[in-house]
Amino acid sequence: MMKSKKILAIVLATSMMLGSSITALADEPVTSGGTNGSGENEGHVEKELINVVLPTVPEGSTPFAYTMDPERLIQATSAARYAEGTTFPEAEDDTGVYFLTAENTYANSSNTLQAINKSSCAITLTVKVKTTQNTAKDIALATSSTVATTGTPNLYLGLKVGNETKVVSAEEQTVTKNIAGVPSNFEVAVQTNAETGAKSYVYQEKASATTWKAMNLSMEGAVSNLAVESDTTAPTVNVTWSYAKAADDATASDDAVDYTANAAPSIATTTYTSNGTEDLDVTVNLGGGSLAATGISGITFRSTTGAEKALDSSLYTLEGTTLTIDKGQLSAWIEAGVNSRAYTVKFNDSAETTVTITVNKAQ
């Protein structure tokens, strides 16, 4: 019995010691720790879009076709061989080479063609020109823009690319120009797949993009005012063009011109919500080219009685491409219990374009 009591005492003592030890350990401060976090890339968008509009030649048109008149027969006869009303350059400024620039209208230089860079980056435009012989009786070609005034008559043809002019000959000439891109005309956006609903990032042209950089191309000519043999012919001029992405360190040519596409004014988003506590900002596009507007001539709306009213000009402003309608105008009809109002924005372009936007009361 005594032996059993001794064993029990030892067990109890051991249990107490272990309990004390566990308590002591639980009270010790945590001095270290850690966790893992996996990394994920949001994605990549290639911010380089190339879109070049090469010179457009209408079907059946030959803008660089020409007629030479070394003996000035057209001037001598007041263009009697041509349809009534046909016009040619004035005699004192006439160089004797004619390009058709409009119906029954001739000039000593051709219409201008354009290569338009609608890209986010610069491109290199390469233009090549040469003549090909029509017959062995082709008129001689001048080596400069100054044609012979005595002796053997000759013909000058010059290809103008930007501000650079190449004297055209049977030997191919090349002109290269770097046309800058307009990265500010592009934006990163989110695109939703119509079938799967998946969303992805895209780099796209802004709806408001209308102004780009372009290079002008044209042909000019002159011919000696000297007699030629009756079977004299003129060579054919051949012009080709191509482009490629410019080198990253390429310097943009300073003779590029601004190109503005003809576009009527517009408003892309036409439905809005408002609670009347904040001004409403509407992004507008004033258009471009000959169809553009410079501002807004007025805004109208229909009252609750159906009458058309003009919104007082003090209740809206247009700064750049942001049309702001004053919150006071919005809160007035919202507080009156009206759930929606349509505003018709009238631009000041020649066509007096109108766009109607709808503002709904926020729920």
Protein backbone atom coordinates (compact mmCIF):
# COMPACT_ATOMS: atom_id res chain seq x y z
CA MET A 1 0.00 0.00 0.00
CA MET A 2 2.80 2.36 0.92
CA LYS A 3 4.43 1.56 -2.40
CA SER A 4 1.24 2.51 -4.33
CA LYS A 5 1.00 5.83 -2.48
CA LYS A 6 4.61 6.65 -3.33
CA ILE A 7 4.00 5.93 -7.02
CA LEU A 8 0.86 8.10 -7.03
CA ALA A 9 2.74 10.95 -5.39
CA ILE A 10 5.48 10.78 -7.98
CA VAL A 11 2.90 10.85 -10.82
CA LEU A 12 1.10 13.83 -9.31
CA ALA A 13 4.34 15.69 -8.80
CA THR A 14 5.40 15.02 -12.34
CA SER A 15 2.04 16.20 -13.67
CA MET A 16 2.34 19.44 -11.68
CA MET A 17 5.82 20.07 -13.05
CA LEU A 18 4.69 19.46 -16.61
CA GLY A 19 1.67 21.71 -16.12
CA SER A 20 3.87 24.47 -14.82
CA SER A 21 6.20 24.02 -17.78
CA ILE A 22 3.36 24.23 -20.32
CA THR A 23 2.01 27.37 -18.70
CA ALA A 24 5.41 28.96 -18.82
CA LEU A 25 5.84 28.08 -22.47
CA ALA A 26 2.40 29.51 -23.39
CA ASP A 27 3.35 32.85 -21.89
CA GLU A 28 6.48 33.23 -24.03
CA PRO A 29 6.18 36.09 -26.71
CA VAL A 30 6.09 35.22 -30.45
CA THR A 31 9.29 36.56 -31.93
CA SER A 32 9.06 35.39 -35.53
CA GLY A 33 6.61 34.34 -38.30
CA GLY A 34 5.98 34.51 -42.00
CA THR A 35 3.69 33.82 -44.96
CA ASN A 36 3.89 33.31 -48.71
CA GLY A 37 2.26 35.40 -51.43
CA SER A 38 2.23 34.31 -55.06
CA GLY A 39 2.91 36.94 -57.73
CA GLU A 40 0.72 37.67 -60.73
CA ASN A 41 1.23 39.87 -63.76
CA GLU A 42 -1.76 42.00 -64.77
CA GLY A 43 -0.80 41.61 -68.41
CA HIS A 44 0.91 43.32 -71.29
CA VAL A 45 -0.43 45.62 -73.98
CA GLU A 46 1.67 46.24 -77.06
CA LYS A 47 1.52 50.02 -77.42
CA GLU A 48 2.43 50.10 -81.06
CA LEU A 49 -0.24 50.24 -83.73
CA ILE A 50 0.66 50.89 -87.36
CA ASN A 51 -1.97 52.19 -89.74
CA VAL A 52 -0.84 54.07 -92.84
CA VAL A 53 -3.10 55.45 -95.53
CA LEU A 54 -1.04 55.49 -98.70
CA PRO A 55 -1.84 57.98 -101.48
CA THR A 56 -5.23 57.20 -102.95
CA VAL A 57 -5.60 57.29 -106.70
CA PRO A 58 -9.25 57.11 -107.77
CA GLU A 59 -10.04 54.37 -110.25
CA GLY A 60 -9.53 55.58 -113.79
CA SER A 61 -7.52 58.57 -112.59
CA THR A 62 -3.88 59.28 -113.45
CA PRO A 63 -2.91 62.34 -111.39
CA PHE A 64 0.68 62.41 -112.71
CA ALA A 65 -0.30 62.07 -116.39
CA TYR A 66 0.70 65.19 -118.31
CA THR A 67 0.61 66.93 -121.65
CA MET A 68 3.59 68.97 -122.88
CA ASP A 69 3.22 71.83 -125.32
CA PRO A 70 6.70 73.01 -126.34
CA GLU A 71 5.36 75.19 -129.15
CA ARG A 72 2.69 76.78 -126.92
CA LEU A 73 -0.10 75.84 -129.32
CA ILE A 74 -2.71 75.95 -126.56
CA GLN A 75 -1.86 79.52 -125.62
CA ALA A 76 -1.65 80.60 -129.25
CA THR A 77 -5.18 79.33 -129.94
CA SER A 78 -6.73 80.19 -126.57
CA ALA A 79 -7.33 76.46 -126.00
CA ALA A 80 -9.69 76.29 -128.97
CA ARG A 81 -9.06 72.56 -129.36
CA TYR A 82 -10.48 71.92 -125.90
CA ALA A 83 -14.04 72.05 -124.59
CA GLU A 84 -15.50 75.49 -124.01
CA GLY A 85 -14.67 76.71 -120.52
CA THR A 86 -11.48 74.70 -120.19
CA THR A 87 -8.88 76.67 -118.25
CA PHE A 88 -5.08 76.69 -118.47
CA PRO A 89 -2.41 78.72 -116.62
CA GLU A 90 -1.98 82.36 -117.57
CA ALA A 91 0.47 82.76 -120.47
CA GLU A 92 3.08 84.76 -118.54
CA ASP A 93 3.43 82.07 -115.87
CA ASP A 94 2.88 79.03 -118.11
CA THR A 95 5.64 76.39 -118.20
CA GLY A 96 4.07 74.42 -121.06
CA VAL A 97 3.42 71.18 -119.10
CA TYR A 98 -0.15 70.49 -117.98
CA PHE A 99 -1.72 68.20 -115.41
CA LEU A 100 -5.47 67.73 -115.19
CA THR A 101 -6.47 68.90 -111.70
CA ALA A 102 -10.25 69.10 -112.05
CA GLU A 103 -12.85 68.80 -114.75
CA ASN A 104 -11.70 70.98 -117.68
CA THR A 105 -8.97 72.50 -115.51
CA TYR A 106 -5.22 72.20 -116.15
CA ALA A 107 -2.23 73.39 -114.12
CA ASN A 108 1.56 73.24 -114.37
CA SER A 109 1.67 71.02 -111.29
CA SER A 110 -0.45 68.04 -110.37
CA ASN A 111 -2.93 67.60 -107.58
CA THR A 112 -1.32 66.76 -104.25
CA LEU A 113 -1.48 63.22 -102.97
CA GLN A 114 -0.92 62.37 -99.32
CA ALA A 115 0.56 59.53 -97.32
CA ILE A 116 -1.10 59.71 -93.89
CA ASN A 117 0.41 58.12 -90.80
CA LYS A 118 -2.42 57.07 -88.50
CA SER A 119 -0.05 55.12 -86.29
CA SER A 120 1.11 55.42 -82.71
CA CYS A 121 4.73 55.36 -83.90
CA ALA A 122 6.79 56.88 -86.70
CA ILE A 123 6.96 55.26 -90.12
CA THR A 124 9.43 55.67 -92.97
CA LEU A 125 7.85 56.49 -96.31
CA THR A 126 9.88 55.56 -99.39
CA VAL A 127 8.98 57.09 -102.74
CA LYS A 128 10.68 56.09 -105.99
CA VAL A 129 10.37 57.78 -109.36
CA LYS A 130 11.74 57.29 -112.86
CA THR A 131 10.70 57.63 -116.47
CA THR A 132 10.29 54.93 -119.05
CA GLN A 133 10.76 55.59 -122.73
CA ASN A 134 7.67 55.55 -124.92
CA THR A 135 9.47 55.70 -128.26
CA ALA A 136 12.88 56.49 -129.63
CA LYS A 137 11.51 59.95 -130.37
CA ASP A 138 10.93 60.88 -126.73
CA ILE A 139 11.93 64.45 -125.94
CA ALA A 140 15.23 64.83 -124.06
CA LEU A 141 15.01 65.16 -120.28
CA ALA A 142 16.40 68.18 -118.47
CA THR A 143 18.84 67.65 -115.62
CA SER A 144 17.46 70.58 -113.62
CA SER A 145 14.28 72.59 -113.33
CA THR A 146 15.69 75.06 -115.86
CA VAL A 147 14.89 73.95 -119.39
CA ALA A 148 16.81 74.87 -122.55
CA THR A 149 15.92 78.17 -124.18
CA THR A 150 17.96 77.55 -127.32
CA GLY A 151 19.19 74.51 -129.21
CA THR A 152 17.65 71.15 -128.44
CA PRO A 153 14.35 71.38 -126.52
CA ASN A 154 14.04 69.36 -123.35
CA LEU A 155 11.50 68.46 -120.67
CA TYR A 156 11.73 68.90 -116.92
CA LEU A 157 9.69 66.73 -114.58
CA GLY A 158 10.05 67.08 -110.83
CA LEU A 159 8.61 64.91 -108.09
CA LYS A 160 7.99 66.84 -104.91
CA VAL A 161 7.86 64.89 -101.64
CA GLY A 162 7.32 67.24 -98.73
CA ASN A 163 9.75 70.11 -99.39
CA GLU A 164 12.20 67.96 -101.35
CA THR A 165 12.09 67.85 -105.15
CA LYS A 166 13.76 65.18 -107.27
CA VAL A 167 14.52 65.84 -110.95
CA VAL A 168 12.98 62.87 -112.74
CA SER A 169 15.13 60.88 -115.16
CA ALA A 170 15.43 57.39 -116.58
CA GLU A 171 17.57 56.57 -113.56
CA GLU A 172 15.41 55.77 -110.54
CA GLN A 173 15.45 58.39 -107.79
CA THR A 174 14.49 57.67 -104.17
CA VAL A 175 13.13 59.93 -101.46
CA THR A 176 12.64 58.77 -97.87
CA LYS A 177 10.70 60.63 -95.20
CA ASN A 178 10.04 59.79 -91.55
CA ILE A 179 6.46 60.65 -90.63
CA ALA A 180 5.79 60.95 -86.91
CA GLY A 181 3.05 58.96 -85.21
CA VAL A 182 0.58 60.48 -82.74
CA PRO A 183 0.60 58.31 -79.57
CA SER A 184 -1.80 60.73 -77.84
CA ASN A 185 -4.48 59.54 -80.28
CA PHE A 186 -4.45 56.11 -78.63
CA GLU A 187 -5.49 54.68 -75.26
CA VAL A 188 -5.48 51.50 -73.21
CA ALA A 189 -9.01 50.13 -72.81
CA VAL A 190 -10.78 47.01 -71.61
CA GLN A 191 -12.48 44.84 -74.20
CA THR A 192 -15.17 42.26 -73.44
CA ASN A 193 -15.40 39.09 -75.52
CA ALA A 194 -18.97 38.92 -76.83
CA GLU A 195 -19.07 35.12 -76.62
CA THR A 196 -17.25 34.33 -73.39
CA GLY A 197 -17.63 37.59 -71.47
CA ALA A 198 -13.91 37.54 -70.71
CA LYS A 199 -12.28 40.95 -70.37
CA SER A 200 -8.89 41.87 -71.74
CA TYR A 201 -6.74 44.94 -72.24
CA VAL A 202 -6.39 46.47 -75.71
CA TYR A 203 -4.55 49.42 -77.16
CA GLN A 204 -6.88 51.31 -79.44
CA GLU A 205 -7.43 54.53 -81.35
CA LYS A 206 -9.49 57.11 -79.48
CA ALA A 207 -12.87 58.00 -80.89
CA SER A 208 -11.81 61.65 -80.82
CA ALA A 209 -8.69 61.10 -82.96
CA THR A 210 -8.91 63.22 -86.11
CA THR A 211 -5.53 64.93 -86.53
CA TRP A 212 -2.47 63.05 -87.83
CA LYS A 213 0.78 63.69 -89.67
CA ALA A 214 1.03 63.33 -93.45
CA MET A 215 3.47 63.82 -96.31
CA ASN A 216 2.49 65.56 -99.54
CA LEU A 217 3.43 64.25 -102.98
CA SER A 218 3.03 66.09 -106.27
CA MET A 219 4.52 66.40 -109.74
CA GLU A 220 5.55 69.54 -111.61
CA GLY A 221 6.89 70.13 -115.06
CA ALA A 222 8.25 72.54 -117.65
CA VAL A 223 9.23 72.24 -121.30
CA SER A 224 11.37 74.40 -123.61
CA ASN A 225 9.46 76.94 -125.65
CA LEU A 226 11.05 75.67 -128.83
CA ALA A 227 9.91 73.91 -132.00
CA VAL A 228 9.94 70.10 -132.03
CA GLU A 229 9.59 67.54 -134.75
CA SER A 230 6.04 66.40 -135.49
CA ASP A 231 6.61 62.86 -134.24
CA THR A 232 8.16 63.89 -130.90
CA THR A 233 6.81 61.91 -127.97
CA ALA A 234 6.96 62.23 -124.18
CA PRO A 235 8.15 59.62 -121.67
CA THR A 236 5.96 57.96 -119.06
CA VAL A 237 6.61 58.82 -115.43
CA ASN A 238 6.50 56.00 -112.88
CA VAL A 239 6.02 56.68 -109.18
CA THR A 240 5.83 54.03 -106.46
CA TRP A 241 5.53 54.31 -102.70
CA SER A 242 5.88 52.03 -99.70
CA TYR A 243 6.38 52.27 -95.95
CA ALA A 244 7.87 50.48 -92.97
CA LYS A 245 8.11 51.16 -89.27
CA ALA A 246 10.79 53.78 -88.67
CA ALA A 247 13.88 52.98 -86.67
CA ASP A 248 13.49 53.78 -82.97
CA ASP A 249 16.08 56.56 -83.21
CA ALA A 250 14.72 58.03 -86.46
CA THR A 251 14.21 61.79 -86.57
CA ALA A 252 10.82 62.87 -87.85
CA SER A 253 10.91 64.91 -91.06
CA ASP A 254 10.04 68.53 -90.41
CA ASP A 255 8.16 68.93 -93.71
CA ALA A 256 5.27 66.69 -92.71
CA VAL A 257 1.91 68.45 -92.58
CA ASP A 258 -1.09 68.11 -90.32
CA TYR A 259 -3.89 66.02 -91.70
CA THR A 260 -7.35 66.41 -90.23
CA ALA A 261 -10.02 63.94 -91.22
CA ASN A 262 -13.38 65.37 -92.19
CA ALA A 263 -15.71 64.42 -89.37
CA ALA A 264 -18.96 65.93 -88.11
CA PRO A 265 -19.34 66.81 -84.41
CA SER A 266 -20.57 63.99 -82.21
CA ILE A 267 -21.17 62.77 -78.66
CA ALA A 268 -20.27 59.12 -78.09
CA THR A 269 -22.11 58.64 -74.78
CA THR A 270 -25.68 59.91 -74.86
CA THR A 271 -27.21 58.46 -71.65
CA TYR A 272 -26.32 59.72 -68.16
CA THR A 273 -27.60 59.59 -64.58
CA SER A 274 -27.63 62.40 -62.03
CA ASN A 275 -28.82 63.06 -58.49
CA GLY A 276 -28.59 66.82 -59.00
CA THR A 277 -25.82 67.36 -56.46
CA GLU A 278 -22.96 67.57 -58.96
CA ASP A 279 -22.38 69.19 -62.33
CA LEU A 280 -22.75 66.84 -65.28
CA ASP A 281 -19.71 66.48 -67.56
CA VAL A 282 -20.31 65.31 -71.13
CA THR A 283 -17.41 64.53 -73.47
CA VAL A 284 -18.02 65.95 -76.94
CA ASN A 285 -16.14 65.60 -80.21
CA LEU A 286 -16.11 68.79 -82.26
CA GLY A 287 -15.24 66.85 -85.42
CA GLY A 288 -12.51 67.63 -87.89
CA GLY A 289 -11.67 69.08 -91.27
CA SER A 290 -14.29 70.95 -93.23
CA LEU A 291 -17.10 69.37 -91.20
CA ALA A 292 -15.83 70.44 -87.78
CA ALA A 293 -17.49 72.75 -85.30
CA THR A 294 -15.68 75.22 -83.06
CA GLY A 295 -18.24 75.20 -80.31
CA ILE A 296 -21.90 74.90 -79.32
CA SER A 297 -24.57 77.34 -80.46
CA GLY A 298 -27.15 76.24 -77.92
CA ILE A 299 -28.89 73.56 -75.87
CA THR A 300 -32.63 72.98 -75.80
CA PHE A 301 -34.94 70.76 -73.72
CA ARG A 302 -38.64 70.07 -73.36
CA SER A 303 -40.39 71.23 -70.23
CA THR A 304 -42.97 69.16 -68.35
CA THR A 305 -45.63 70.79 -70.51
CA GLY A 306 -43.89 69.63 -73.69
CA ALA A 307 -42.75 73.11 -74.71
CA GLU A 308 -39.26 73.42 -76.19
CA LYS A 309 -37.06 75.74 -74.18
CA ALA A 310 -33.52 77.01 -74.58
CA LEU A 311 -31.15 76.31 -71.73
CA ASP A 312 -29.68 79.58 -70.53
CA SER A 313 -26.03 79.83 -71.60
CA SER A 314 -25.06 80.58 -67.99
CA LEU A 315 -26.08 77.02 -67.09
CA TYR A 316 -23.52 75.26 -69.27
CA THR A 317 -19.91 75.67 -70.34
CA LEU A 318 -17.70 74.10 -72.97
CA GLU A 319 -13.99 73.85 -72.26
CA GLY A 320 -12.00 71.83 -74.75
CA THR A 321 -13.99 68.66 -75.26
CA THR A 322 -15.92 68.80 -71.96
CA LEU A 323 -19.47 70.15 -71.92
CA THR A 324 -20.58 70.86 -68.34
CA ILE A 325 -24.25 71.29 -67.40
CA ASP A 326 -24.80 73.10 -64.11
CA LYS A 327 -26.08 70.98 -61.24
CA GLY A 328 -28.69 73.64 -60.45
CA GLN A 329 -30.45 72.94 -63.75
CA LEU A 330 -30.42 69.22 -63.01
CA SER A 331 -31.60 69.44 -59.41
CA ALA A 332 -34.53 71.67 -60.41
CA TRP A 333 -36.35 69.02 -62.41
CA ILE A 334 -35.19 66.12 -60.24
CA GLU A 335 -36.63 67.79 -57.13
CA ALA A 336 -39.82 68.48 -59.08
CA GLY A 337 -40.32 64.73 -59.45
CA VAL A 338 -39.22 64.41 -63.10
CA ASN A 339 -37.42 61.13 -63.73
CA SER A 340 -35.70 61.97 -67.01
CA ARG A 341 -34.91 64.88 -69.29
CA ALA A 342 -33.54 65.01 -72.84
CA TYR A 343 -31.17 67.81 -73.85
CA THR A 344 -30.50 68.56 -77.51
CA VAL A 345 -27.01 69.94 -78.08
CA LYS A 346 -26.64 72.06 -81.21
CA PHE A 347 -23.14 72.57 -82.62
CA ASN A 348 -22.04 75.61 -84.62
CA ASP A 349 -20.76 73.69 -87.66
CA SER A 350 -22.08 74.56 -91.11
CA ALA A 351 -24.51 71.62 -90.99
CA GLU A 352 -25.75 72.71 -87.53
CA THR A 353 -25.38 69.17 -86.22
CA THR A 354 -27.55 68.24 -83.23
CA VAL A 355 -27.12 65.40 -80.73
CA THR A 356 -29.64 64.53 -78.02
CA ILE A 357 -28.47 63.28 -74.65
CA THR A 358 -30.75 61.80 -71.98
CA VAL A 359 -30.19 62.41 -68.27
CA ASN A 360 -32.00 60.03 -65.92
CA LYS A 361 -32.64 60.58 -62.24
CA ALA A 362 -30.29 58.43 -60.19
CA GLN A 363 -32.12 55.69 -58.29
